[in-house]
């Protein structure tokens, strides 16, 4: 793996596997390096302006793909924190988000 690609993978890994493209630019990763990594299948582009490891957390990739953010509750569950499940409360075990009228399935 070329040094530039290894640096790209390291930056993505350090930041949870999914980042905005500008984070890569801030870390001196060229658009050409990103393109090469996408073509080779080492990373994916869930949406314009976003780059992810191919094995990144599905909830993060889905959020990037649809332009939404994870709720505090969803993020807490991802991190293995205890989350109170009140009777009758919505079971937000994966990700449910609304963005511009879009309801993502659970």
C-alpha atoms as a PDB file:
ATOM      1  CA  UNK A   1       0.000   0.000   0.000  1.00  0.00           C
ATOM      2  CA  UNK A   2       1.478   3.378  -0.981  1.00  0.00           C
ATOM      3  CA  UNK A   3       2.379   5.758   1.847  1.00  0.00           C
ATOM      4  CA  UNK A   4      -0.299   8.292   0.808  1.00  0.00           C
ATOM      5  CA  UNK A   5      -3.016   5.617   0.915  1.00  0.00           C
ATOM      6  CA  UNK A   6      -1.765   4.356   4.279  1.00  0.00           C
ATOM      7  CA  UNK A   7      -2.002   7.928   5.607  1.00  0.00           C
ATOM      8  CA  UNK A   8      -5.566   8.206   4.259  1.00  0.00           C
ATOM      9  CA  UNK A   9      -6.570   4.946   5.974  1.00  0.00           C
ATOM     10  CA  UNK A  10      -4.914   6.087   9.221  1.00  0.00           C
ATOM     11  CA  UNK A  11      -6.772   9.422   9.225  1.00  0.00           C
ATOM     12  CA  UNK A  12     -10.094   7.682   8.543  1.00  0.00           C
ATOM     13  CA  UNK A  13      -9.431   5.112  11.259  1.00  0.00           C
ATOM     14  CA  UNK A  14      -8.454   7.751  13.841  1.00  0.00           C
ATOM     15  CA  UNK A  15     -11.710   9.594  13.197  1.00  0.00           C
ATOM     16  CA  UNK A  16     -14.116   6.685  13.371  1.00  0.00           C
ATOM     17  CA  UNK A  17     -14.066   5.554   9.745  1.00  0.00           C
ATOM     18  CA  UNK A  18     -16.246   8.246   8.138  1.00  0.00           C
ATOM     19  CA  UNK A  19     -15.134  11.837   7.541  1.00  0.00           C
ATOM     20  CA  UNK A  20     -15.897  14.868   5.446  1.00  0.00           C
ATOM     21  CA  UNK A  21     -13.528  15.373   2.534  1.00  0.00           C
ATOM     22  CA  UNK A  22     -12.315  18.664   3.994  1.00  0.00           C
ATOM     23  CA  UNK A  23     -10.840  16.746   6.957  1.00  0.00           C
ATOM     24  CA  UNK A  24      -8.692  14.848   4.479  1.00  0.00           C
ATOM     25  CA  UNK A  25      -7.577  18.079   2.810  1.00  0.00           C
ATOM     26  CA  UNK A  26      -6.705  19.495   6.258  1.00  0.00           C
ATOM     27  CA  UNK A  27      -4.533  16.402   6.745  1.00  0.00           C
ATOM     28  CA  UNK A  28      -2.723  16.963   3.429  1.00  0.00           C
ATOM     29  CA  UNK A  29      -4.388  14.093   1.612  1.00  0.00           C
ATOM     30  CA  UNK A  30      -4.802  14.911  -2.062  1.00  0.00           C
ATOM     31  CA  UNK A  31      -8.005  14.381  -4.041  1.00  0.00           C
ATOM     32  CA  UNK A  32      -5.961  12.084  -6.309  1.00  0.00           C
ATOM     33  CA  UNK A  33      -5.073   9.842  -3.381  1.00  0.00           C
ATOM     34  CA  UNK A  34      -8.741   9.634  -2.421  1.00  0.00           C
ATOM     35  CA  UNK A  35      -9.789   8.877  -6.018  1.00  0.00           C
ATOM     36  CA  UNK A  36      -7.203   6.101  -6.275  1.00  0.00           C
ATOM     37  CA  UNK A  37      -8.360   4.590  -2.984  1.00  0.00           C
ATOM     38  CA  UNK A  38     -12.009   4.707  -4.135  1.00  0.00           C
ATOM     39  CA  UNK A  39     -11.154   3.080  -7.487  1.00  0.00           C
ATOM     40  CA  UNK A  40      -9.156   0.341  -5.750  1.00  0.00           C
ATOM     41  CA  UNK A  41     -12.008  -0.274  -3.293  1.00  0.00           C
ATOM     42  CA  UNK A  42     -10.008   0.627  -0.198  1.00  0.00           C
ATOM     43  CA  UNK A  43     -12.479   3.389   0.694  1.00  0.00           C
ATOM     44  CA  UNK A  44     -15.976   4.392  -0.397  1.00  0.00           C
ATOM     45  CA  UNK A  45     -17.732   7.674  -1.039  1.00  0.00           C
ATOM     46  CA  UNK A  46     -21.149   7.402   0.622  1.00  0.00           C
ATOM     47  CA  UNK A  47     -22.022  10.886  -0.646  1.00  0.00           C
ATOM     48  CA  UNK A  48     -20.287  13.812  -2.307  1.00  0.00           C
ATOM     49  CA  UNK A  49     -18.030  15.422   0.261  1.00  0.00           C
ATOM     50  CA  UNK A  50     -17.739  12.288   2.419  1.00  0.00           C
ATOM     51  CA  UNK A  51     -15.252   9.393   2.489  1.00  0.00           C
ATOM     52  CA  UNK A  52     -15.462   6.191   4.532  1.00  0.00           C
ATOM     53  CA  UNK A  53     -13.558   3.007   5.168  1.00  0.00           C
ATOM     54  CA  UNK A  54     -15.243   0.138   3.340  1.00  0.00           C
ATOM     55  CA  UNK A  55     -15.860  -1.596   6.692  1.00  0.00           C
ATOM     56  CA  UNK A  56     -16.951   1.537   8.590  1.00  0.00           C
ATOM     57  CA  UNK A  57     -19.891   1.412  10.991  1.00  0.00           C
ATOM     58  CA  UNK A  58     -23.067   1.073   8.929  1.00  0.00           C
ATOM     59  CA  UNK A  59     -24.942   3.680  10.972  1.00  0.00           C
ATOM     60  CA  UNK A  60     -22.242   6.265  10.275  1.00  0.00           C
ATOM     61  CA  UNK A  61     -22.135   5.437   6.565  1.00  0.00           C
ATOM     62  CA  UNK A  62     -25.942   5.631   6.343  1.00  0.00           C
ATOM     63  CA  UNK A  63     -25.954   8.972   8.146  1.00  0.00           C
ATOM     64  CA  UNK A  64     -23.334  10.368   5.754  1.00  0.00           C
ATOM     65  CA  UNK A  65     -25.156   8.919   2.739  1.00  0.00           C
ATOM     66  CA  UNK A  66     -28.430  10.611   3.692  1.00  0.00           C
ATOM     67  CA  UNK A  67     -26.996  13.841   5.095  1.00  0.00           C
ATOM     68  CA  UNK A  68     -28.195  13.297   8.658  1.00  0.00           C
ATOM     69  CA  UNK A  69     -26.502  13.043  12.033  1.00  0.00           C
ATOM     70  CA  UNK A  70     -26.828  10.376  14.677  1.00  0.00           C
ATOM     71  CA  UNK A  71     -28.887  11.226  17.733  1.00  0.00           C
ATOM     72  CA  UNK A  72     -27.215  11.263  21.142  1.00  0.00           C
ATOM     73  CA  UNK A  73     -29.137   8.102  22.008  1.00  0.00           C
ATOM     74  CA  UNK A  74     -27.932   6.235  18.930  1.00  0.00           C
ATOM     75  CA  UNK A  75     -24.352   7.360  19.488  1.00  0.00           C
ATOM     76  CA  UNK A  76     -24.517   6.313  23.149  1.00  0.00           C
ATOM     77  CA  UNK A  77     -25.686   2.841  22.111  1.00  0.00           C
ATOM     78  CA  UNK A  78     -22.908   2.618  19.495  1.00  0.00           C
ATOM     79  CA  UNK A  79     -20.401   3.338  22.258  1.00  0.00           C
ATOM     80  CA  UNK A  80     -21.880   0.639  24.487  1.00  0.00           C
ATOM     81  CA  UNK A  81     -23.342   3.044  27.014  1.00  0.00           C
ATOM     82  CA  UNK A  82     -26.494   2.189  28.919  1.00  0.00           C
ATOM     83  CA  UNK A  83     -29.588   3.887  27.514  1.00  0.00           C
ATOM     84  CA  UNK A  84     -32.881   3.967  29.423  1.00  0.00           C
ATOM     85  CA  UNK A  85     -35.653   2.142  27.566  1.00  0.00           C
ATOM     86  CA  UNK A  86     -38.909   3.640  28.858  1.00  0.00           C
ATOM     87  CA  UNK A  87     -42.095   1.635  28.293  1.00  0.00           C
ATOM     88  CA  UNK A  88     -43.715   2.743  25.059  1.00  0.00           C
ATOM     89  CA  UNK A  89     -40.672   4.727  23.995  1.00  0.00           C
ATOM     90  CA  UNK A  90     -39.401   4.495  20.453  1.00  0.00           C
ATOM     91  CA  UNK A  91     -36.875   1.700  20.114  1.00  0.00           C
ATOM     92  CA  UNK A  92     -34.088   3.658  18.499  1.00  0.00           C
ATOM     93  CA  UNK A  93     -31.666   0.738  18.339  1.00  0.00           C
ATOM     94  CA  UNK A  94     -30.202   1.442  14.933  1.00  0.00           C
ATOM     95  CA  UNK A  95     -30.849   4.838  13.485  1.00  0.00           C
ATOM     96  CA  UNK A  96     -34.027   6.662  12.797  1.00  0.00           C
ATOM     97  CA  UNK A  97     -33.569  10.108  11.363  1.00  0.00           C
ATOM     98  CA  UNK A  98     -35.629  12.666   9.568  1.00  0.00           C
ATOM     99  CA  UNK A  99     -33.977  14.947   7.064  1.00  0.00           C
ATOM    100  CA  UNK A 100     -35.975  16.880   4.548  1.00  0.00           C
ATOM    101  CA  UNK A 101     -38.945  14.571   5.103  1.00  0.00           C
ATOM    102  CA  UNK A 102     -36.905  11.393   4.644  1.00  0.00           C
ATOM    103  CA  UNK A 103     -37.590   8.620   7.154  1.00  0.00           C
ATOM    104  CA  UNK A 104     -34.816   6.068   7.319  1.00  0.00           C
ATOM    105  CA  UNK A 105     -35.837   2.501   8.178  1.00  0.00           C
ATOM    106  CA  UNK A 106     -34.757   0.968  11.454  1.00  0.00           C
END
